[in-house]
């Protein structure tokens, strides 16, 4: 047999992106990681015109799990212990399936990165392939073995020879901002990460549109290596937080980077330098921009889709942050609740709820969409009283509430926006939001061509909720009103199609709330870690 080596074709990475989306759609959560490997993944390198795709899964020998790949048009061609290979009928795409951490996964990715980083090795590999392509081969395995000596020699070298410095600079202009927003779309492609709506991200990052900038300032940074964007970070100072706590904290957020310690170190150093210039004595984060937005680095629950306003990170983010010298400041818990199953609820909760009604005269009503902004004034009163002693607390301002009301209008669901009253006085509030991430997943970051259709039909898609806030005025915390709100959640689950979801985040130090989640039959499914560096 003869081997065909073609000049590098810019269409190869485009073909990979199409196949990645096809594979991700077929396997869903079963595809833990999808990567472009082989020579077609290396810009400028001549290659066989076959796009190789690496997919990691929980169990590569669970063959029934790959039926959707076959239904999507791929043919199973290789069955080996710990490895499956599928290909397209045209034999122009090979899909290799391995388990997470398989040595072959490590080798393929390491070889790709070395060829991308070193022009001399890239040229040597191409010369060898063109030379071998002139010969006849009995099998493809014989051809592969003929390359093995050079491959091993390249793998034995350091990753970069010589190293290319990481260049971190402030975001300037829309082109930089677009790269800032786009980076996680590339880094997390093929994972359970849910892409946000890009338009919303631009508005959120707008200093004119985001209420945070009424009481805070921030700088956005991009990290580049050899002209390619490889990381991003923000540094910010929240004046309202520091005034309330009489502190000089600075924060960082929007942390994304390729799996490289030098990139993580450079990003954190840039954020620290900016914060030091403004008199801060520590750096805390990540948070985008505040704790009530996406906060923390995911350290547990990587296999689960993030819900609304939850970040998602691969495991190496924790490893790189801690290797950079960041120290744990606080862990945040997300609790899973299947609120349609009352058997998991401790019997004492309905008893407390009944006592709240009969002994203390507590009644529960639902928030009005028309008067939602006015309802949030009561929310702010409860939040500012009940949470003021919590770690990371910052009081809501009028501008914050105006913005929050607009956000909640997009996800408002009367069944889940609850107010507890005593003789007409608001004493507790629970705001539970439908998980709009289930819709954003279908929108893929875009309104067009069909993203708007998915959003308008969100009621047919969303079947889970996130309990984002449940607070009680301190003077009423003995009345059982919290239990009454918990039981109301179970009632709503029986009456609607939304049967479960997650509650949180909840600080690891908030022992009363964590005990309440246990009483409702919940279990911790995600942990996020907020880090700090004291200057």
Protein backbone atom coordinates (compact mmCIF):
# COMPACT_ATOMS: atom_id res chain seq x y z
CA UNK A 1 0.00 0.00 0.00
CA UNK A 2 1.06 3.61 -0.62
CA UNK A 3 0.70 6.48 1.85
CA UNK A 4 -0.58 9.84 0.62
CA UNK A 5 0.92 12.92 2.28
CA UNK A 6 -0.81 16.22 1.47
CA UNK A 7 0.30 19.78 2.16
CA UNK A 8 -1.30 21.35 5.23
CA UNK A 9 -4.92 22.33 4.60
CA UNK A 10 -6.59 25.06 6.74
CA UNK A 11 -9.86 23.18 6.21
CA UNK A 12 -8.66 20.36 8.51
CA UNK A 13 -9.33 22.21 11.82
CA UNK A 14 -12.67 23.38 10.40
CA UNK A 15 -13.57 19.77 9.63
CA UNK A 16 -12.54 18.81 13.16
CA UNK A 17 -14.89 21.42 14.64
CA UNK A 18 -17.80 20.00 12.65
CA UNK A 19 -16.98 16.46 13.78
CA UNK A 20 -16.52 17.62 17.38
CA UNK A 21 -20.04 19.06 17.43
CA UNK A 22 -21.39 15.89 15.82
CA UNK A 23 -19.66 13.65 18.39
CA UNK A 24 -20.68 15.84 21.32
CA UNK A 25 -24.30 15.79 20.16
CA UNK A 26 -24.20 11.99 19.84
CA UNK A 27 -22.47 11.12 23.12
CA UNK A 28 -23.61 14.03 25.29
CA UNK A 29 -22.19 13.80 28.81
CA UNK A 30 -20.51 10.51 27.89
CA UNK A 31 -17.83 12.41 25.98
CA UNK A 32 -15.69 13.82 28.79
CA UNK A 33 -13.10 15.34 26.47
CA UNK A 34 -12.82 15.81 22.70
CA UNK A 35 -9.50 16.83 21.11
CA UNK A 36 -8.04 17.21 17.63
CA UNK A 37 -4.92 15.00 17.43
CA UNK A 38 -2.60 13.68 14.77
CA UNK A 39 -0.76 15.64 12.12
CA UNK A 40 -3.85 17.48 10.87
CA UNK A 41 -4.02 19.16 14.30
CA UNK A 42 -0.60 20.82 13.83
CA UNK A 43 -0.73 24.06 11.78
CA UNK A 44 1.64 23.99 8.83
CA UNK A 45 2.40 20.26 8.95
CA UNK A 46 1.88 18.03 5.92
CA UNK A 47 -0.25 15.01 6.73
CA UNK A 48 -2.39 12.16 5.52
CA UNK A 49 -5.73 13.88 4.74
CA UNK A 50 -7.45 12.10 7.63
CA UNK A 51 -8.71 14.07 10.63
CA UNK A 52 -8.02 12.22 13.88
CA UNK A 53 -10.24 12.91 16.88
CA UNK A 54 -9.56 11.81 20.45
CA UNK A 55 -12.52 11.19 22.76
CA UNK A 56 -12.22 10.24 26.42
CA UNK A 57 -15.11 8.41 28.10
CA UNK A 58 -15.76 6.79 31.49
CA UNK A 59 -15.49 3.24 30.06
CA UNK A 60 -14.19 2.64 26.52
CA UNK A 61 -15.35 -0.98 26.69
CA UNK A 62 -18.98 -0.05 27.32
CA UNK A 63 -19.91 -0.71 23.70
CA UNK A 64 -23.68 -0.06 24.03
CA UNK A 65 -22.82 3.51 25.05
CA UNK A 66 -21.38 4.10 21.57
CA UNK A 67 -24.55 3.18 19.69
CA UNK A 68 -25.31 6.91 19.16
CA UNK A 69 -21.99 7.27 17.32
CA UNK A 70 -23.00 4.54 14.91
CA UNK A 71 -26.41 6.15 14.51
CA UNK A 72 -24.62 9.43 13.71
CA UNK A 73 -22.89 7.71 10.78
CA UNK A 74 -19.58 6.49 12.20
CA UNK A 75 -18.45 2.90 11.62
CA UNK A 76 -16.73 0.82 14.33
CA UNK A 77 -13.44 -0.41 12.86
CA UNK A 78 -11.13 -1.29 15.76
CA UNK A 79 -11.94 -3.08 19.02
CA UNK A 80 -8.98 -3.41 21.40
CA UNK A 81 -8.69 -3.59 25.20
CA UNK A 82 -9.27 -0.03 26.40
CA UNK A 83 -9.59 1.38 22.88
CA UNK A 84 -12.21 1.75 20.17
CA UNK A 85 -11.78 3.38 16.77
CA UNK A 86 -14.65 4.62 14.61
CA UNK A 87 -14.40 6.20 11.18
CA UNK A 88 -16.54 7.91 8.60
CA UNK A 89 -17.63 5.94 5.52
CA UNK A 90 -15.37 8.17 3.43
CA UNK A 91 -12.42 7.20 5.65
CA UNK A 92 -11.50 10.86 6.13
CA UNK A 93 -12.16 11.01 9.90
CA UNK A 94 -10.95 8.59 12.57
CA UNK A 95 -12.44 8.78 16.09
CA UNK A 96 -10.27 7.19 18.79
CA UNK A 97 -11.96 6.41 22.12
CA UNK A 98 -9.98 5.90 25.34
CA UNK A 99 -10.54 6.23 29.06
CA UNK A 100 -9.54 9.40 30.91
CA UNK A 101 -5.88 9.17 31.89
CA UNK A 102 -5.02 6.38 29.46
CA UNK A 103 -1.27 6.58 28.61
CA UNK A 104 -2.13 6.81 24.90
CA UNK A 105 -4.17 9.96 25.58
CA UNK A 106 -1.19 11.52 27.31
CA UNK A 107 1.18 10.51 24.48
CA UNK A 108 -1.01 11.82 21.66
CA UNK A 109 -1.57 15.17 23.34
CA UNK A 110 2.08 15.54 24.36
CA UNK A 111 3.27 14.77 20.82
CA UNK A 112 0.81 17.29 19.36
CA UNK A 113 1.98 20.04 21.71
CA UNK A 114 5.64 19.40 20.97
CA UNK A 115 5.09 19.57 17.22
CA UNK A 116 3.05 22.76 17.59
CA UNK A 117 5.76 24.37 19.72
CA UNK A 118 8.95 23.36 17.86
CA UNK A 119 9.45 24.21 14.19
CA UNK A 120 12.59 22.06 13.87
CA UNK A 121 10.83 18.94 15.15
CA UNK A 122 7.87 19.71 12.92
CA UNK A 123 10.13 19.96 9.87
CA UNK A 124 12.01 16.74 10.76
CA UNK A 125 8.74 14.84 11.18
CA UNK A 126 7.43 16.09 7.84
CA UNK A 127 10.66 15.13 6.04
CA UNK A 128 10.44 11.61 7.43
CA UNK A 129 6.80 11.21 6.44
CA UNK A 130 7.40 12.41 2.88
CA UNK A 131 10.37 10.04 2.60
CA UNK A 132 8.37 7.06 3.87
CA UNK A 133 5.45 7.94 1.59
CA UNK A 134 7.61 7.05 -1.41
CA UNK A 135 7.76 3.40 -0.32
CA UNK A 136 5.30 0.53 -0.52
CA UNK A 137 3.99 -0.72 2.85
CA UNK A 138 2.50 -4.05 3.73
CA UNK A 139 0.22 -2.51 6.40
CA UNK A 140 -0.38 0.84 8.07
CA UNK A 141 1.19 -0.58 11.24
CA UNK A 142 4.51 -1.06 9.43
CA UNK A 143 4.40 2.58 8.31
CA UNK A 144 3.65 3.72 11.89
CA UNK A 145 6.53 1.67 13.32
CA UNK A 146 8.93 3.27 10.84
CA UNK A 147 8.18 6.63 12.47
CA UNK A 148 8.46 5.44 16.06
CA UNK A 149 12.13 6.27 16.66
CA UNK A 150 11.67 9.92 15.72
CA UNK A 151 8.43 10.16 17.65
CA UNK A 152 10.09 8.84 20.80
CA UNK A 153 13.00 11.25 20.36
CA UNK A 154 10.60 14.20 20.08
CA UNK A 155 8.58 13.06 23.09
CA UNK A 156 11.76 12.85 25.16
CA UNK A 157 12.43 16.57 24.69
CA UNK A 158 11.05 19.35 26.91
CA UNK A 159 7.71 20.67 25.75
CA UNK A 160 9.10 23.93 24.42
CA UNK A 161 12.57 24.27 23.01
CA UNK A 162 13.25 27.14 23.34
CA UNK A 163 10.36 28.43 25.53
CA UNK A 164 8.06 31.09 24.15
CA UNK A 165 7.21 33.71 26.76
CA UNK A 166 3.64 34.37 27.85
CA UNK A 167 2.62 37.97 27.13
CA UNK A 168 -0.19 39.33 29.34
CA UNK A 169 -1.69 42.65 28.35
CA UNK A 170 -4.86 44.63 29.12
CA UNK A 171 -7.81 44.17 26.77
CA UNK A 172 -7.95 47.06 24.31
CA UNK A 173 -10.64 47.40 21.67
CA UNK A 174 -13.42 45.13 20.51
CA UNK A 175 -11.13 42.60 18.85
CA UNK A 176 -9.51 41.87 22.21
CA UNK A 177 -12.90 41.77 23.94
CA UNK A 178 -14.18 39.31 21.36
CA UNK A 179 -11.14 37.09 22.00
CA UNK A 180 -11.76 37.40 25.75
CA UNK A 181 -15.35 36.18 25.36
CA UNK A 182 -14.48 33.47 22.83
CA UNK A 183 -11.66 31.75 24.75
CA UNK A 184 -13.75 29.36 26.92
CA UNK A 185 -15.69 28.28 23.82
CA UNK A 186 -12.42 26.81 22.52
CA UNK A 187 -10.98 25.59 25.79
CA UNK A 188 -14.13 23.74 26.89
CA UNK A 189 -15.39 22.45 23.56
CA UNK A 190 -16.60 18.88 23.88
CA UNK A 191 -17.06 19.07 27.67
CA UNK A 192 -20.18 19.47 29.82
CA UNK A 193 -19.57 23.24 29.96
CA UNK A 194 -22.61 25.18 28.77
CA UNK A 195 -21.80 28.09 26.43
CA UNK A 196 -23.34 31.40 27.52
CA UNK A 197 -25.09 33.70 25.10
CA UNK A 198 -22.26 35.79 23.65
CA UNK A 199 -24.42 38.92 23.44
CA UNK A 200 -25.16 38.64 27.16
CA UNK A 201 -21.43 38.31 27.93
CA UNK A 202 -20.65 41.51 26.00
CA UNK A 203 -23.36 43.37 27.94
CA UNK A 204 -22.16 41.93 31.26
CA UNK A 205 -18.60 43.06 30.56
CA UNK A 206 -19.75 46.54 29.53
CA UNK A 207 -18.72 49.14 32.08
CA UNK A 208 -21.70 51.23 30.99
CA UNK A 209 -24.31 48.46 31.26
CA UNK A 210 -23.20 46.46 34.33
CA UNK A 211 -24.34 47.91 37.67
CA UNK A 212 -21.17 46.56 39.32
CA UNK A 213 -19.25 49.50 37.90
CA UNK A 214 -21.34 51.93 39.95
CA UNK A 215 -19.32 50.77 42.95
CA UNK A 216 -16.37 48.93 41.42
CA UNK A 217 -13.60 49.08 38.83
CA UNK A 218 -11.91 46.34 36.84
CA UNK A 219 -9.24 45.60 34.28
CA UNK A 220 -9.47 42.74 31.77
CA UNK A 221 -6.32 40.90 30.65
CA UNK A 222 -5.51 38.50 27.81
CA UNK A 223 -2.51 36.17 27.79
CA UNK A 224 -0.89 35.36 24.46
CA UNK A 225 1.92 33.05 23.45
CA UNK A 226 3.44 33.54 20.03
CA UNK A 227 0.42 35.68 19.10
CA UNK A 228 -2.18 33.07 20.12
CA UNK A 229 -4.64 33.73 22.97
CA UNK A 230 -3.98 31.17 25.73
CA UNK A 231 -5.59 32.69 28.83
CA UNK A 232 -7.65 35.48 30.36
CA UNK A 233 -8.32 37.05 33.77
CA UNK A 234 -9.83 40.15 35.36
CA UNK A 235 -8.70 42.13 38.37
CA UNK A 236 -11.32 44.19 40.18
CA UNK A 237 -11.89 46.30 43.29
CA UNK A 238 -15.37 46.48 44.82
CA UNK A 239 -15.55 49.72 46.79
CA UNK A 240 -18.88 48.74 48.37
CA UNK A 241 -17.35 45.53 49.72
CA UNK A 242 -14.29 47.27 51.14
CA UNK A 243 -16.34 50.08 52.69
CA UNK A 244 -18.68 47.60 54.40
CA UNK A 245 -15.87 45.40 55.73
CA UNK A 246 -13.32 48.22 56.26
CA UNK A 247 -10.90 46.16 54.17
CA UNK A 248 -8.55 46.56 51.22
CA UNK A 249 -9.39 43.40 49.28
CA UNK A 250 -8.98 43.02 45.57
CA UNK A 251 -10.64 40.30 43.53
CA UNK A 252 -9.88 38.39 40.35
CA UNK A 253 -12.23 36.56 38.02
CA UNK A 254 -13.12 35.23 34.56
CA UNK A 255 -10.13 32.89 34.93
CA UNK A 256 -9.52 30.69 31.88
CA UNK A 257 -6.25 29.23 30.60
CA UNK A 258 -4.66 26.41 28.70
CA UNK A 259 -3.18 23.67 30.88
CA UNK A 260 0.20 25.29 31.41
CA UNK A 261 1.60 26.54 34.72
CA UNK A 262 3.47 29.42 33.09
CA UNK A 263 0.19 30.79 31.72
CA UNK A 264 -1.60 30.54 35.07
CA UNK A 265 1.32 32.16 36.87
CA UNK A 266 1.53 35.03 34.39
CA UNK A 267 -2.20 35.77 34.55
CA UNK A 268 -2.27 35.82 38.34
CA UNK A 269 0.85 37.99 38.45
CA UNK A 270 -0.77 40.55 36.15
CA UNK A 271 -3.92 40.68 38.29
CA UNK A 272 -1.86 40.99 41.48
CA UNK A 273 0.26 43.84 40.08
CA UNK A 274 -2.86 45.79 39.07
CA UNK A 275 -4.42 45.30 42.52
CA UNK A 276 -1.22 46.24 44.34
CA UNK A 277 -1.14 49.53 42.41
CA UNK A 278 -4.57 50.31 43.90
CA UNK A 279 -3.51 49.67 47.48
CA UNK A 280 -5.05 46.21 47.93
CA UNK A 281 -3.51 43.90 50.53
CA UNK A 282 -4.84 40.61 49.16
CA UNK A 283 -6.34 39.03 46.04
CA UNK A 284 -9.44 36.82 46.35
CA UNK A 285 -11.22 34.84 43.67
CA UNK A 286 -12.18 33.84 41.12
CA UNK A 287 -15.48 35.68 41.00
CA UNK A 288 -17.15 37.27 37.96
CA UNK A 289 -17.24 40.11 39.30
CA UNK A 290 -18.81 39.38 42.69
CA UNK A 291 -19.66 36.35 44.81
CA UNK A 292 -23.29 36.35 43.67
CA UNK A 293 -22.18 35.90 40.08
CA UNK A 294 -20.13 32.88 39.00
CA UNK A 295 -17.63 32.25 41.79
CA UNK A 296 -14.94 29.74 42.69
CA UNK A 297 -12.96 27.05 40.89
CA UNK A 298 -14.77 23.76 40.47
CA UNK A 299 -13.00 21.08 42.53
CA UNK A 300 -15.71 18.41 42.66
CA UNK A 301 -18.53 17.50 40.26
CA UNK A 302 -16.66 17.78 36.95
CA UNK A 303 -19.03 15.31 35.26
CA UNK A 304 -22.13 17.45 35.92
CA UNK A 305 -23.43 20.23 33.73
CA UNK A 306 -23.23 23.66 35.35
CA UNK A 307 -26.57 25.22 36.19
CA UNK A 308 -27.48 28.88 35.80
CA UNK A 309 -24.72 31.15 37.18
CA UNK A 310 -22.41 28.25 37.96
CA UNK A 311 -18.86 28.08 36.55
CA UNK A 312 -17.34 24.89 35.16
CA UNK A 313 -13.63 24.06 35.02
CA UNK A 314 -11.58 20.96 34.21
CA UNK A 315 -9.54 19.42 37.08
CA UNK A 316 -6.26 21.09 36.12
CA UNK A 317 -7.60 24.54 37.12
CA UNK A 318 -7.43 23.57 40.79
CA UNK A 319 -4.00 22.01 40.28
CA UNK A 320 -2.60 25.10 38.53
CA UNK A 321 -4.10 27.58 41.01
CA UNK A 322 -2.64 25.76 43.98
CA UNK A 323 0.71 25.26 42.25
CA UNK A 324 0.73 29.05 41.74
CA UNK A 325 0.66 29.48 45.50
CA UNK A 326 -2.99 30.43 45.93
CA UNK A 327 -4.43 29.31 49.25
CA UNK A 328 -7.94 28.21 50.08
CA UNK A 329 -10.14 31.01 51.40
CA UNK A 330 -13.55 29.31 51.35
CA UNK A 331 -15.37 26.35 49.78
CA UNK A 332 -18.87 26.70 48.37
CA UNK A 333 -21.30 23.76 48.30
CA UNK A 334 -24.00 22.95 45.77
CA UNK A 335 -26.62 20.55 47.08
CA UNK A 336 -28.69 18.28 44.84
CA UNK A 337 -32.34 17.98 45.80
CA UNK A 338 -34.98 15.76 44.24
CA UNK A 339 -37.88 17.71 45.68
CA UNK A 340 -40.59 15.49 44.26
CA UNK A 341 -39.71 12.71 46.72
CA UNK A 342 -41.07 13.56 50.17
CA UNK A 343 -39.77 10.28 51.58
CA UNK A 344 -36.28 11.79 51.70
CA UNK A 345 -37.49 14.71 53.82
CA UNK A 346 -37.19 14.51 57.60
CA UNK A 347 -40.69 14.36 59.20
CA UNK A 348 -39.85 17.30 61.45
CA UNK A 349 -39.87 19.76 58.52
CA UNK A 350 -43.65 19.52 57.87
CA UNK A 351 -44.17 19.84 61.62
CA UNK A 352 -42.14 23.07 61.73
CA UNK A 353 -43.96 24.35 58.64
CA UNK A 354 -47.35 23.70 60.26
CA UNK A 355 -46.22 25.45 63.45
CA UNK A 356 -45.17 28.48 61.39
CA UNK A 357 -48.68 28.65 59.96
CA UNK A 358 -50.76 27.94 63.06
CA UNK A 359 -48.66 29.41 65.87
CA UNK A 360 -46.95 32.33 64.16
CA UNK A 361 -49.48 33.19 61.45
CA UNK A 362 -47.02 32.77 58.58
CA UNK A 363 -48.53 32.69 55.09
CA UNK A 364 -46.82 32.12 51.77
CA UNK A 365 -47.63 33.89 48.53
CA UNK A 366 -45.94 34.15 45.14
CA UNK A 367 -44.14 37.22 43.83
CA UNK A 368 -45.82 39.41 41.27
CA UNK A 369 -44.05 39.79 37.95
CA UNK A 370 -45.58 43.23 37.50
CA UNK A 371 -44.21 44.37 40.87
CA UNK A 372 -41.01 42.32 40.83
CA UNK A 373 -38.73 45.33 41.27
CA UNK A 374 -40.70 46.41 44.34
CA UNK A 375 -40.52 42.88 45.73
CA UNK A 376 -36.74 43.06 45.48
CA UNK A 377 -36.66 45.92 47.97
CA UNK A 378 -37.97 43.44 50.56
CA UNK A 379 -35.48 40.89 49.26
CA UNK A 380 -32.63 43.36 49.83
CA UNK A 381 -33.81 44.08 53.38
CA UNK A 382 -33.78 40.38 54.23
CA UNK A 383 -30.52 39.73 52.40
CA UNK A 384 -28.71 42.63 54.01
CA UNK A 385 -29.87 41.61 57.52
CA UNK A 386 -29.59 37.83 57.24
CA UNK A 387 -26.32 37.64 55.31
CA UNK A 388 -24.39 40.62 56.67
CA UNK A 389 -22.13 38.47 58.87
CA UNK A 390 -21.40 35.93 56.13
CA UNK A 391 -17.99 35.66 54.51
CA UNK A 392 -17.85 37.59 51.24
CA UNK A 393 -21.06 39.56 51.88
CA UNK A 394 -21.62 42.86 50.09
CA UNK A 395 -24.89 44.82 50.44
CA UNK A 396 -27.14 45.32 47.43
CA UNK A 397 -27.39 48.86 46.13
CA UNK A 398 -30.38 50.34 44.28
CA UNK A 399 -28.51 49.97 40.98
CA UNK A 400 -27.73 46.33 41.78
CA UNK A 401 -31.42 45.66 42.46
CA UNK A 402 -32.47 47.41 39.24
CA UNK A 403 -30.14 45.14 37.28
CA UNK A 404 -31.17 42.04 39.24
CA UNK A 405 -34.84 42.73 38.51
CA UNK A 406 -34.10 42.82 34.78
CA UNK A 407 -32.21 39.52 35.01
CA UNK A 408 -35.02 37.84 36.93
CA UNK A 409 -37.63 38.95 34.41
CA UNK A 410 -35.93 36.67 31.88
CA UNK A 411 -36.28 33.61 34.12
CA UNK A 412 -39.35 34.55 36.18
CA UNK A 413 -41.57 31.63 37.15
CA UNK A 414 -44.40 32.51 39.52
CA UNK A 415 -44.49 29.03 41.05
CA UNK A 416 -40.93 29.36 42.39
CA UNK A 417 -40.65 33.01 43.48
CA UNK A 418 -41.93 32.82 47.07
CA UNK A 419 -42.66 35.34 49.83
CA UNK A 420 -43.44 34.45 53.45
CA UNK A 421 -45.43 37.05 55.38
CA UNK A 422 -46.69 37.72 58.88
CA UNK A 423 -49.76 39.98 58.81
CA UNK A 424 -48.65 41.43 55.48
CA UNK A 425 -45.03 41.99 56.50
CA UNK A 426 -42.40 40.19 54.43
CA UNK A 427 -40.29 38.07 56.77
CA UNK A 428 -38.66 35.58 54.36
CA UNK A 429 -38.10 35.14 50.64
CA UNK A 430 -37.07 32.24 48.40
CA UNK A 431 -36.03 32.91 44.82
CA UNK A 432 -35.72 29.68 42.86
CA UNK A 433 -34.96 30.06 39.18
CA UNK A 434 -35.53 27.65 36.29
CA UNK A 435 -32.21 26.35 34.99
CA UNK A 436 -31.98 28.35 31.79
CA UNK A 437 -28.65 26.63 31.06
CA UNK A 438 -30.72 23.76 29.66
CA UNK A 439 -31.86 26.20 26.97
CA UNK A 440 -28.48 27.90 26.52
CA UNK A 441 -27.01 24.47 25.75
CA UNK A 442 -29.30 24.26 22.72
CA UNK A 443 -28.59 27.88 21.72
CA UNK A 444 -24.80 27.27 21.62
CA UNK A 445 -24.03 30.88 22.47
CA UNK A 446 -26.07 32.36 19.61
CA UNK A 447 -29.50 33.91 19.09
CA UNK A 448 -29.42 33.12 15.37
CA UNK A 449 -30.50 31.21 13.46
CA UNK A 450 -32.62 29.23 15.98
CA UNK A 451 -31.39 30.31 19.40
CA UNK A 452 -34.35 32.68 19.86
CA UNK A 453 -36.75 29.79 19.14
CA UNK A 454 -35.21 27.64 21.87
CA UNK A 455 -35.42 30.51 24.36
CA UNK A 456 -39.06 31.26 23.61
CA UNK A 457 -39.85 27.59 24.15
CA UNK A 458 -37.84 27.30 27.38
CA UNK A 459 -40.91 26.21 29.33
CA UNK A 460 -40.96 22.93 27.39
CA UNK A 461 -37.24 22.31 27.91
CA UNK A 462 -36.45 23.20 31.51
CA UNK A 463 -37.17 20.49 34.06
CA UNK A 464 -34.88 21.53 36.93
CA UNK A 465 -34.36 24.56 39.14
CA UNK A 466 -31.68 26.26 41.17
CA UNK A 467 -32.58 27.53 44.63
CA UNK A 468 -30.44 30.62 44.50
CA UNK A 469 -31.68 32.47 47.59
CA UNK A 470 -33.63 31.53 50.69
CA UNK A 471 -33.41 34.04 53.51
CA UNK A 472 -35.27 34.81 56.73
CA UNK A 473 -35.19 37.95 58.85
CA UNK A 474 -33.14 37.12 61.96
CA UNK A 475 -36.07 37.92 64.28
CA UNK A 476 -38.18 35.22 62.58
CA UNK A 477 -35.65 32.44 62.26
CA UNK A 478 -37.22 30.61 65.25
CA UNK A 479 -40.71 30.49 63.74
CA UNK A 480 -40.26 27.61 61.28
CA UNK A 481 -40.77 29.91 58.30
CA UNK A 482 -37.75 28.41 56.53
CA UNK A 483 -39.33 24.95 56.87
CA UNK A 484 -42.54 26.34 55.41
CA UNK A 485 -40.63 27.55 52.35
CA UNK A 486 -38.86 24.19 52.04
CA UNK A 487 -42.21 22.35 52.10
CA UNK A 488 -43.60 24.79 49.53
CA UNK A 489 -40.79 23.70 47.20
CA UNK A 490 -41.92 20.09 47.56
CA UNK A 491 -45.50 21.16 46.80
CA UNK A 492 -44.43 22.99 43.64
CA UNK A 493 -42.44 19.97 42.47
CA UNK A 494 -45.60 17.88 42.71
CA UNK A 495 -47.59 20.42 40.70
CA UNK A 496 -45.05 21.30 37.96
CA UNK A 497 -42.69 19.48 35.61
CA UNK A 498 -39.64 20.69 37.57
CA UNK A 499 -38.87 17.90 40.00
CA UNK A 500 -35.41 18.66 41.24
CA UNK A 501 -32.30 20.71 40.97
CA UNK A 502 -29.62 22.23 43.12
CA UNK A 503 -29.47 24.64 46.03
CA UNK A 504 -26.60 26.98 46.62
CA UNK A 505 -24.05 27.96 46.72
CA UNK A 506 -23.85 27.57 50.51
CA UNK A 507 -20.70 28.49 52.41
CA UNK A 508 -18.96 25.53 54.03
CA UNK A 509 -19.14 27.51 57.30
CA UNK A 510 -22.92 27.98 57.12
CA UNK A 511 -23.65 24.94 59.27
CA UNK A 512 -27.35 25.67 59.84
CA UNK A 513 -28.14 25.82 56.10
CA UNK A 514 -26.06 22.75 55.37
CA UNK A 515 -27.91 20.84 58.09
CA UNK A 516 -31.20 21.99 56.57
CA UNK A 517 -30.15 20.57 53.20
CA UNK A 518 -29.40 17.24 54.84
CA UNK A 519 -32.83 17.34 56.48
CA UNK A 520 -34.41 17.74 53.04
CA UNK A 521 -32.58 14.67 51.75
CA UNK A 522 -29.98 16.62 49.80
CA UNK A 523 -26.40 15.67 49.01
CA UNK A 524 -23.40 17.76 48.01
CA UNK A 525 -22.69 17.25 44.30
CA UNK A 526 -20.41 20.19 43.49
CA UNK A 527 -17.74 22.05 45.42
CA UNK A 528 -16.21 25.34 44.36
CA UNK A 529 -13.10 26.79 45.95
CA UNK A 530 -12.41 30.49 46.35
CA UNK A 531 -8.70 31.24 46.71
CA UNK A 532 -6.69 34.09 48.16
CA UNK A 533 -3.18 35.46 48.03
CA UNK A 534 -2.18 37.83 50.82
CA UNK A 535 0.34 40.46 49.74
